[in-house]
Amino acid sequence: MFQCLLREGRSCVRYKCSQLNTIQDVLRQRPGWFEVKDDGEWDFNWCDVGWLRENFDHSYMEEHVRINHFRNHYELTRKNLMVKNLKRYRKNLERDVGRMEVSKCDFFPCTFALPSEYHLFVEEFKRCPGSTWIMKPVAKSQGKGIFLFRKLKDITDWKKDNIFQFAILLYSQDGTRSEDQKDAAQVESYVAQRYIENPYLINGRKFDLRVYVLVTSYIPLKVWLYRDGFARFSSTRFSLSTIDDKYMHLTNVAVQKTAPDYDPEKGCKWQMQHLRRYLTAKHGRETVETLFKEMDNIFVCSLQSVQKVIINDKHCFELYGYDILLDQNLKPWLIEVNASPSHTPSSQEDYEMKLTGREKRVGGYDLMWNDGPVFREDINMESIGITCVTANTHLGCVNDREKQLRQLLKPYPGQKRT
């Protein structure tokens, strides 16, 4: 879109960016792009969700303008709403196509929204005594406010504060909002989620995967998958004998960077290519191909679960950060989806990794869904009478992003090819 504007004679693309990280560096390096400050007019805005909340409904956008969030992106990125939409999607799938298809949605742990589903949670908790659960604030990131528990009394203080406040709202007699009710409206919701007690370990350490998924349209649904990504490792060897060690159980980089033995030179990440090679060497290509296909299914089904509720807008796109956990059976579990995934590098290697129409590939992104599955055309076994139809995804494969971009982007008039 913006390259076309430059070719049509525009002197520059005006961009605004609230991020002081790799995103800002990438935008500054683009030829013909010019940063605007404050209230200057812009063609492209990489904003935070706070700006979106305050300004989106009051901003007029011309045809070509783009912004990096959909208006109600939180339908997928708030932990409670994500689970609510996935449960509804699974129920509708069972009604429309039968129970066999419901297995496609068996990729998120048993989860309850609190305080509204507290009593349902207690019933499930009592059915599985001794299980480990994890409590998370629905709208916080970087591991803030998260804790593990095995006994109901471990959340007694939380219950006193939150259930009482929720009851004030629920059982109001006269319909008016007292001061107590106004305070209750500010109480933050949580989710209680069954903890994955058998995570896949490498060198005795737990890890999860961060995968980047780009949505350029919800109607029709158009999804791109980034080839790179990374595994985030804990700094402490995993054990269920203790549930109070955040460095053991939480893989968030923001948490791990505060560990006493954290080495900023090494960081705590593996590139996706490294992980894929490791798993292939240990379990074989076929097993790993199955694993990555199951992750593809998670991306598509989760986006389909919110497709009818997201407010689609031609000016909007969204870069989601998916957090996936593998268990000992190499089953992928969706933990959460982030609307503003961090692009602040934790090491030089991390920085280089994050420096990032009809095309089935743009830069490091491959088109995986365009109102239906997109398939690769390069796999053909006609010599033995078999044609392989494979999804157009290359997660963890070689990312020759710079070479591909040089082929794709022709210089506009007056610009020398570099």
Protein backbone atom coordinates (compact mmCIF):
# COMPACT_ATOMS: atom_id res chain seq x y z
CA MET A 1 0.00 0.00 0.00
CA PHE A 2 2.59 2.58 1.09
CA GLN A 3 5.10 1.58 -1.59
CA CYS A 4 2.37 2.29 -4.15
CA LEU A 5 1.85 5.76 -2.70
CA LEU A 6 5.55 6.51 -3.14
CA ARG A 7 5.48 5.33 -6.74
CA GLU A 8 2.49 7.57 -7.41
CA GLY A 9 4.54 10.64 -6.56
CA ARG A 10 4.11 11.06 -2.81
CA SER A 11 7.36 12.36 -1.35
CA CYS A 12 7.09 10.26 1.79
CA VAL A 13 4.97 8.08 4.02
CA ARG A 14 4.25 9.84 7.29
CA TYR A 15 4.31 7.56 10.28
CA LYS A 16 3.73 7.87 13.99
CA CYS A 17 5.11 5.36 16.49
CA SER A 18 4.70 5.23 20.25
CA GLN A 19 7.19 2.37 20.65
CA LEU A 20 10.85 2.90 21.52
CA ASN A 21 12.02 -0.50 20.35
CA THR A 22 12.71 -2.55 17.25
CA ILE A 23 9.53 -1.30 15.57
CA GLN A 24 10.81 2.28 15.74
CA ASP A 25 14.19 1.21 14.34
CA VAL A 26 12.57 -0.59 11.40
CA LEU A 27 10.36 2.38 10.52
CA ARG A 28 13.28 4.80 10.64
CA GLN A 29 15.25 2.64 8.24
CA ARG A 30 12.57 2.54 5.57
CA PRO A 31 13.41 4.81 2.60
CA GLY A 32 10.78 7.46 1.97
CA TRP A 33 9.26 7.20 5.47
CA PHE A 34 9.13 10.27 7.67
CA GLU A 35 8.25 10.37 11.38
CA VAL A 36 5.68 12.90 12.58
CA LYS A 37 5.36 14.07 16.16
CA ASP A 38 2.46 15.05 18.38
CA ASP A 39 -0.70 15.83 16.37
CA GLY A 40 0.86 15.84 12.91
CA GLU A 41 -1.02 14.09 10.10
CA TRP A 42 0.08 10.51 9.52
CA ASP A 43 -0.46 7.67 7.07
CA PHE A 44 0.59 4.89 9.41
CA ASN A 45 0.31 4.73 13.19
CA TRP A 46 1.90 2.06 15.35
CA CYS A 47 0.07 3.01 18.53
CA ASP A 48 -0.48 1.51 21.95
CA VAL A 49 -3.89 0.36 23.09
CA GLY A 50 -4.27 3.44 25.30
CA TRP A 51 -4.10 5.74 22.28
CA LEU A 52 -6.56 3.51 20.44
CA ARG A 53 -9.05 3.65 23.29
CA GLU A 54 -8.93 7.43 23.51
CA ASN A 55 -8.69 8.43 19.85
CA PHE A 56 -9.96 5.79 17.42
CA ASP A 57 -13.63 6.76 17.46
CA HIS A 58 -12.76 10.45 17.01
CA SER A 59 -10.28 10.11 14.15
CA TYR A 60 -11.08 10.43 10.45
CA MET A 61 -8.95 8.11 8.32
CA GLU A 62 -8.43 8.37 4.61
CA GLU A 63 -8.55 5.30 2.37
CA HIS A 64 -4.84 4.50 2.56
CA VAL A 65 -4.33 5.06 6.31
CA ARG A 66 -3.39 2.07 8.48
CA ILE A 67 -3.31 1.49 12.23
CA ASN A 68 -1.99 -1.54 14.11
CA HIS A 69 -5.04 -2.53 16.19
CA PHE A 70 -8.66 -3.47 15.62
CA ARG A 71 -11.03 -1.52 17.80
CA ASN A 72 -12.05 -4.42 20.06
CA HIS A 73 -8.90 -6.53 19.77
CA TYR A 74 -9.37 -7.45 23.44
CA GLU A 75 -11.96 -10.08 22.48
CA LEU A 76 -8.98 -12.35 21.82
CA THR A 77 -6.27 -10.79 23.97
CA ARG A 78 -8.02 -10.56 27.34
CA LYS A 79 -7.64 -13.94 28.96
CA ASN A 80 -11.25 -14.24 30.11
CA LEU A 81 -12.74 -13.12 26.79
CA MET A 82 -10.44 -15.39 24.81
CA VAL A 83 -11.69 -18.43 26.74
CA LYS A 84 -15.30 -17.25 26.54
CA ASN A 85 -15.09 -16.95 22.74
CA LEU A 86 -13.28 -20.28 22.39
CA LYS A 87 -15.89 -22.07 24.49
CA ARG A 88 -18.68 -20.57 22.40
CA TYR A 89 -16.88 -21.51 19.18
CA ARG A 90 -16.42 -25.09 20.40
CA LYS A 91 -20.08 -25.34 21.37
CA ASN A 92 -21.22 -24.04 17.96
CA LEU A 93 -18.83 -26.39 16.20
CA GLU A 94 -20.28 -29.37 18.06
CA ARG A 95 -23.81 -28.26 17.19
CA ASP A 96 -23.06 -27.69 13.50
CA VAL A 97 -20.63 -30.46 12.55
CA GLY A 98 -20.59 -32.97 15.39
CA ARG A 99 -18.36 -34.08 18.22
CA MET A 100 -15.54 -35.33 16.04
CA GLU A 101 -14.71 -31.79 14.94
CA VAL A 102 -14.74 -30.52 18.53
CA SER A 103 -11.40 -32.25 19.10
CA LYS A 104 -9.87 -29.49 16.95
CA CYS A 105 -10.62 -27.09 19.81
CA ASP A 106 -9.05 -29.17 22.55
CA PHE A 107 -6.03 -26.88 22.82
CA PHE A 108 -6.69 -24.63 25.82
CA PRO A 109 -6.59 -25.64 29.49
CA CYS A 110 -9.71 -25.81 31.65
CA THR A 111 -10.29 -22.17 32.61
CA PHE A 112 -12.80 -20.21 34.70
CA ALA A 113 -13.40 -16.47 34.84
CA LEU A 114 -13.39 -15.15 38.39
CA PRO A 115 -15.28 -13.95 40.25
CA SER A 116 -18.26 -14.58 37.92
CA GLU A 117 -17.59 -18.34 37.58
CA TYR A 118 -16.21 -18.90 41.06
CA HIS A 119 -18.79 -21.52 42.05
CA LEU A 120 -18.24 -23.48 38.81
CA PHE A 121 -14.52 -23.35 39.48
CA VAL A 122 -14.97 -24.71 43.02
CA GLU A 123 -16.99 -27.67 41.67
CA GLU A 124 -14.24 -28.54 39.18
CA PHE A 125 -11.53 -27.97 41.80
CA LYS A 126 -13.16 -30.48 44.15
CA ARG A 127 -13.46 -33.07 41.37
CA CYS A 128 -9.66 -33.11 40.98
CA PRO A 129 -8.15 -32.77 44.45
CA GLY A 130 -4.43 -32.12 44.54
CA SER A 131 -4.29 -30.56 41.09
CA THR A 132 -2.24 -27.43 40.52
CA TRP A 133 -4.00 -24.28 39.31
CA ILE A 134 -2.66 -20.95 38.16
CA MET A 135 -4.33 -17.60 38.81
CA LYS A 136 -3.84 -14.74 36.33
CA PRO A 137 -5.19 -11.18 36.08
CA VAL A 138 -7.12 -10.95 32.81
CA ALA A 139 -5.55 -7.72 31.55
CA LYS A 140 -1.97 -7.74 32.81
CA SER A 141 1.19 -8.95 31.09
CA GLN A 142 4.82 -9.79 31.85
CA GLY A 143 3.84 -12.24 34.58
CA LYS A 144 2.39 -9.58 36.88
CA GLY A 145 -0.07 -10.80 39.52
CA ILE A 146 0.29 -14.50 38.62
CA PHE A 147 0.52 -17.21 41.27
CA LEU A 148 0.04 -20.98 41.55
CA PHE A 149 -2.07 -22.74 44.16
CA ARG A 150 -3.32 -26.19 45.19
CA LYS A 151 -5.72 -25.34 48.02
CA LEU A 152 -8.77 -23.14 48.08
CA LYS A 153 -7.51 -21.46 51.21
CA ASP A 154 -4.56 -20.19 49.16
CA ILE A 155 -6.91 -17.77 47.43
CA THR A 156 -8.88 -16.80 50.54
CA ASP A 157 -7.62 -13.23 50.58
CA TRP A 158 -8.33 -12.78 46.90
CA LYS A 159 -11.82 -14.23 47.35
CA LYS A 160 -12.65 -11.91 50.23
CA ASP A 161 -11.70 -8.82 48.27
CA ASN A 162 -13.16 -9.77 44.91
CA ILE A 163 -16.22 -11.92 45.60
CA PHE A 164 -17.55 -9.40 48.09
CA GLN A 165 -17.10 -6.52 45.68
CA PHE A 166 -18.68 -8.51 42.87
CA ALA A 167 -21.67 -9.32 45.06
CA ILE A 168 -22.23 -5.61 45.66
CA LEU A 169 -22.76 -5.16 41.95
CA LEU A 170 -24.77 -8.32 41.46
CA TYR A 171 -27.29 -7.90 44.26
CA SER A 172 -28.01 -4.18 44.15
CA GLN A 173 -31.59 -3.63 45.28
CA ASP A 174 -32.47 -0.21 43.91
CA GLY A 175 -30.43 -0.17 40.70
CA THR A 176 -28.34 2.85 41.74
CA ARG A 177 -24.56 2.87 41.97
CA SER A 178 -23.29 3.54 45.46
CA GLU A 179 -19.68 4.44 46.20
CA ASP A 180 -19.06 0.78 47.05
CA GLN A 181 -20.42 -0.22 43.67
CA LYS A 182 -18.19 2.28 41.86
CA ASP A 183 -15.20 0.78 43.66
CA ALA A 184 -16.37 -2.71 42.78
CA ALA A 185 -16.51 -1.79 39.10
CA GLN A 186 -12.77 -1.18 39.25
CA VAL A 187 -11.96 -4.61 40.74
CA GLU A 188 -9.81 -6.55 38.31
CA SER A 189 -11.01 -9.91 37.08
CA TYR A 190 -8.89 -13.04 37.07
CA VAL A 191 -8.89 -16.42 35.42
CA ALA A 192 -8.20 -19.67 37.26
CA GLN A 193 -6.62 -22.11 34.84
CA ARG A 194 -5.58 -25.73 35.29
CA TYR A 195 -1.80 -25.74 35.30
CA ILE A 196 -0.02 -27.92 32.74
CA GLU A 197 1.79 -30.19 35.17
CA ASN A 198 3.71 -32.18 32.56
CA PRO A 199 5.44 -29.57 30.39
CA TYR A 200 7.99 -30.64 27.81
CA LEU A 201 11.43 -29.95 29.30
CA ILE A 202 14.78 -29.23 27.68
CA ASN A 203 17.76 -29.61 30.00
CA GLY A 204 15.24 -29.91 32.82
CA ARG A 205 13.80 -26.46 32.17
CA LYS A 206 10.31 -25.38 31.21
CA PHE A 207 9.76 -23.16 28.17
CA ASP A 208 6.96 -21.76 26.06
CA LEU A 209 6.82 -20.52 22.46
CA ARG A 210 6.17 -17.00 21.21
CA VAL A 211 4.75 -17.01 17.68
CA TYR A 212 3.76 -13.93 15.68
CA VAL A 213 0.50 -14.01 13.72
CA LEU A 214 -0.57 -11.08 11.54
CA VAL A 215 -4.25 -10.48 10.70
CA THR A 216 -4.88 -7.96 7.92
CA SER A 217 -8.63 -8.57 7.72
CA TYR A 218 -11.34 -10.39 9.65
CA ILE A 219 -13.98 -10.17 6.88
CA PRO A 220 -12.76 -12.08 5.00
CA LEU A 221 -10.28 -13.60 7.43
CA LYS A 222 -6.73 -13.12 6.14
CA VAL A 223 -3.90 -14.47 8.28
CA TRP A 224 -0.12 -14.40 7.93
CA LEU A 225 2.33 -16.46 10.00
CA TYR A 226 5.83 -15.21 10.73
CA ARG A 227 8.61 -17.71 10.04
CA ASP A 228 10.66 -16.77 13.07
CA GLY A 229 9.68 -16.94 16.70
CA PHE A 230 11.38 -18.17 19.81
CA ALA A 231 11.23 -20.39 22.86
CA ARG A 232 11.46 -18.63 26.24
CA PHE A 233 13.15 -20.68 28.94
CA SER A 234 12.95 -20.57 32.70
CA SER A 235 16.22 -20.16 34.58
CA THR A 236 15.45 -22.84 37.18
CA ARG A 237 15.03 -26.59 36.66
CA PHE A 238 11.38 -27.61 36.76
CA SER A 239 9.78 -29.42 39.68
CA LEU A 240 6.25 -29.66 41.04
CA SER A 241 7.59 -30.00 44.58
CA THR A 242 7.43 -26.23 44.92
CA ILE A 243 4.94 -23.87 43.32
CA ASP A 244 6.23 -20.61 44.79
CA ASP A 245 9.32 -20.18 42.60
CA LYS A 246 8.34 -17.78 39.82
CA TYR A 247 11.66 -18.33 38.02
CA MET A 248 10.77 -22.00 37.68
CA HIS A 249 7.17 -21.72 36.52
CA LEU A 250 6.90 -18.39 34.65
CA THR A 251 8.82 -18.13 31.40
CA ASN A 252 8.09 -14.43 30.78
CA VAL A 253 11.30 -12.62 29.87
CA ALA A 254 10.32 -9.74 32.18
CA VAL A 255 10.35 -12.25 35.05
CA GLN A 256 13.46 -14.17 34.03
CA LYS A 257 15.52 -10.99 33.64
CA THR A 258 15.21 -10.44 37.40
CA ALA A 259 16.58 -13.91 38.27
CA PRO A 260 19.82 -13.79 40.30
CA ASP A 261 21.70 -15.93 37.75
CA TYR A 262 20.31 -14.27 34.58
CA ASP A 263 23.00 -13.67 31.95
CA PRO A 264 22.04 -10.76 29.63
CA GLU A 265 24.62 -11.89 27.07
CA LYS A 266 23.03 -15.32 26.67
CA GLY A 267 19.45 -14.30 27.38
CA CYS A 268 16.84 -17.01 27.89
CA LYS A 269 15.66 -17.69 24.33
CA TRP A 270 16.12 -20.14 21.50
CA GLN A 271 15.22 -19.18 17.96
CA MET A 272 12.39 -21.24 16.49
CA GLN A 273 14.72 -22.75 13.90
CA HIS A 274 16.98 -24.02 16.69
CA LEU A 275 14.04 -25.54 18.55
CA ARG A 276 12.63 -27.17 15.42
CA ARG A 277 16.00 -28.77 14.62
CA TYR A 278 16.30 -30.01 18.21
CA LEU A 279 12.83 -31.58 18.21
CA THR A 280 13.32 -33.12 14.77
CA ALA A 281 16.59 -34.72 15.81
CA LYS A 282 14.98 -36.16 18.93
CA HIS A 283 11.52 -37.16 17.71
CA GLY A 284 11.71 -37.35 13.92
CA ARG A 285 10.41 -35.16 11.13
CA GLU A 286 6.92 -36.64 10.94
CA THR A 287 6.20 -36.04 14.64
CA VAL A 288 7.42 -32.45 14.44
CA GLU A 289 5.41 -31.78 11.27
CA THR A 290 2.31 -32.97 13.14
CA LEU A 291 3.13 -30.68 16.06
CA PHE A 292 3.46 -27.62 13.83
CA LYS A 293 0.25 -28.48 11.97
CA GLU A 294 -1.54 -28.60 15.33
CA MET A 295 -0.18 -25.13 16.09
CA ASP A 296 -1.49 -23.91 12.73
CA ASN A 297 -4.89 -25.22 13.81
CA ILE A 298 -4.67 -23.22 17.06
CA PHE A 299 -4.00 -19.98 15.18
CA VAL A 300 -6.86 -20.44 12.73
CA CYS A 301 -9.48 -21.73 15.20
CA SER A 302 -8.75 -19.02 17.77
CA LEU A 303 -9.13 -16.31 15.12
CA GLN A 304 -12.31 -17.90 13.78
CA SER A 305 -13.69 -17.89 17.33
CA VAL A 306 -13.65 -14.07 17.34
CA GLN A 307 -14.23 -13.44 13.65
CA LYS A 308 -17.89 -12.52 14.13
CA VAL A 309 -17.32 -10.28 17.15
CA ILE A 310 -14.24 -8.31 16.10
CA ILE A 311 -15.19 -4.98 14.53
CA ASN A 312 -13.55 -5.30 11.13
CA ASP A 313 -12.13 -2.12 9.65
CA LYS A 314 -10.13 -1.78 6.43
CA HIS A 315 -7.78 0.65 8.16
CA CYS A 316 -6.77 -1.87 10.82
CA PHE A 317 -4.44 -4.81 11.16
CA GLU A 318 -3.21 -6.70 14.20
CA LEU A 319 0.08 -8.37 15.05
CA TYR A 320 -0.68 -10.95 17.74
CA GLY A 321 1.88 -12.64 19.95
CA TYR A 322 0.71 -16.21 20.64
CA ASP A 323 2.07 -18.01 23.71
CA ILE A 324 2.09 -21.79 23.20
CA LEU A 325 3.17 -24.42 25.75
CA LEU A 326 4.15 -27.98 24.80
CA ASP A 327 3.48 -30.90 27.13
CA GLN A 328 5.46 -34.14 27.38
CA ASN A 329 3.40 -35.66 24.57
CA LEU A 330 4.28 -32.74 22.28
CA LYS A 331 0.72 -31.50 22.43
CA PRO A 332 0.56 -27.69 22.00
CA TRP A 333 -1.58 -25.69 24.43
CA LEU A 334 -2.73 -22.11 23.88
CA ILE A 335 -1.87 -20.13 27.01
CA GLU A 336 -2.73 -16.60 25.90
CA VAL A 337 -2.66 -14.13 23.01
CA ASN A 338 -1.01 -10.72 23.29
CA ALA A 339 -2.23 -7.60 21.47
CA SER A 340 1.01 -5.69 21.98
CA PRO A 341 3.73 -8.33 21.97
CA SER A 342 7.04 -6.98 23.15
CA HIS A 343 9.49 -5.91 20.46
CA THR A 344 12.11 -4.81 22.94
CA PRO A 345 15.10 -7.14 22.44
CA SER A 346 16.69 -8.89 25.40
CA SER A 347 19.97 -9.59 23.56
CA GLN A 348 21.73 -8.78 20.29
CA GLU A 349 20.53 -12.07 18.77
CA ASP A 350 16.99 -11.21 19.85
CA TYR A 351 17.29 -7.76 18.25
CA GLU A 352 18.40 -9.20 14.92
CA MET A 353 15.52 -11.67 14.99
CA LYS A 354 12.89 -9.00 15.65
CA LEU A 355 14.17 -6.60 12.98
CA THR A 356 11.76 -7.47 10.79
CA GLY A 357 -2.09 -8.35 -2.55
CA ARG A 358 -1.87 -11.74 -4.19
CA GLU A 359 1.45 -12.48 -2.65
CA LYS A 360 1.70 -15.62 -0.57
CA ARG A 361 4.74 -14.23 1.15
CA VAL A 362 5.85 -10.76 2.23
CA GLY A 363 9.13 -10.45 4.07
CA GLY A 364 9.20 -13.12 6.76
CA TYR A 365 5.40 -13.63 6.70
CA ASP A 366 3.63 -16.44 4.84
CA LEU A 367 -0.06 -16.20 3.97
CA MET A 368 -1.68 -19.19 5.69
CA TRP A 369 -5.39 -18.33 5.50
CA ASN A 370 -7.29 -16.21 2.97
CA ASP A 371 -10.99 -16.85 3.51
CA GLY A 372 -9.90 -20.50 3.52
CA PRO A 373 -6.63 -22.43 3.81
CA VAL A 374 -3.71 -21.42 1.61
CA PHE A 375 -1.57 -24.29 0.39
CA ARG A 376 2.03 -24.56 -0.68
CA GLU A 377 2.66 -25.28 -4.34
CA ASP A 378 6.22 -26.52 -4.06
CA ILE A 379 5.54 -30.03 -2.78
CA ASN A 380 4.63 -32.48 -5.50
CA MET A 381 5.28 -36.21 -5.64
CA GLU A 382 3.76 -36.92 -9.06
CA SER A 383 6.62 -39.32 -9.80
CA ILE A 384 5.03 -41.80 -7.41
CA GLY A 385 1.46 -40.75 -8.13
CA ILE A 386 0.94 -38.67 -5.00
CA THR A 387 0.29 -34.93 -4.76
CA CYS A 388 0.97 -33.50 -1.32
CA VAL A 389 -1.25 -30.63 -0.25
CA THR A 390 0.48 -28.82 2.60
CA ALA A 391 -0.47 -25.62 4.41
CA ASN A 392 1.54 -22.58 3.38
CA THR A 393 3.32 -22.24 6.72
CA HIS A 394 7.05 -22.29 7.38
CA LEU A 395 7.30 -21.67 11.12
CA GLY A 396 10.83 -22.41 12.24
CA CYS A 397 12.11 -22.70 8.65
CA VAL A 398 14.82 -20.58 7.02
CA ASN A 399 13.79 -16.93 6.85
CA ASP A 400 15.51 -15.26 3.88
CA ARG A 401 13.50 -12.12 4.56
CA GLU A 402 15.95 -9.56 3.18
CA LYS A 403 16.51 -11.43 -0.11
CA GLN A 404 12.77 -11.86 -0.63
CA LEU A 405 12.01 -8.20 0.12
CA ARG A 406 14.62 -7.04 -2.38
CA GLN A 407 12.86 -9.10 -5.03
CA LEU A 408 9.41 -7.89 -4.02
CA LEU A 409 9.98 -4.16 -3.55
CA LYS A 410 10.95 -2.37 -6.73
CA PRO A 411 12.39 1.13 -6.33
CA TYR A 412 10.05 4.06 -6.86
CA PRO A 413 11.05 6.79 -9.34
CA GLY A 414 14.20 8.59 -8.31
CA GLN A 415 15.23 5.98 -5.74
CA LYS A 416 18.38 3.94 -6.26
CA ARG A 417 18.20 0.24 -5.52
CA THR A 418 20.42 -0.63 -2.57
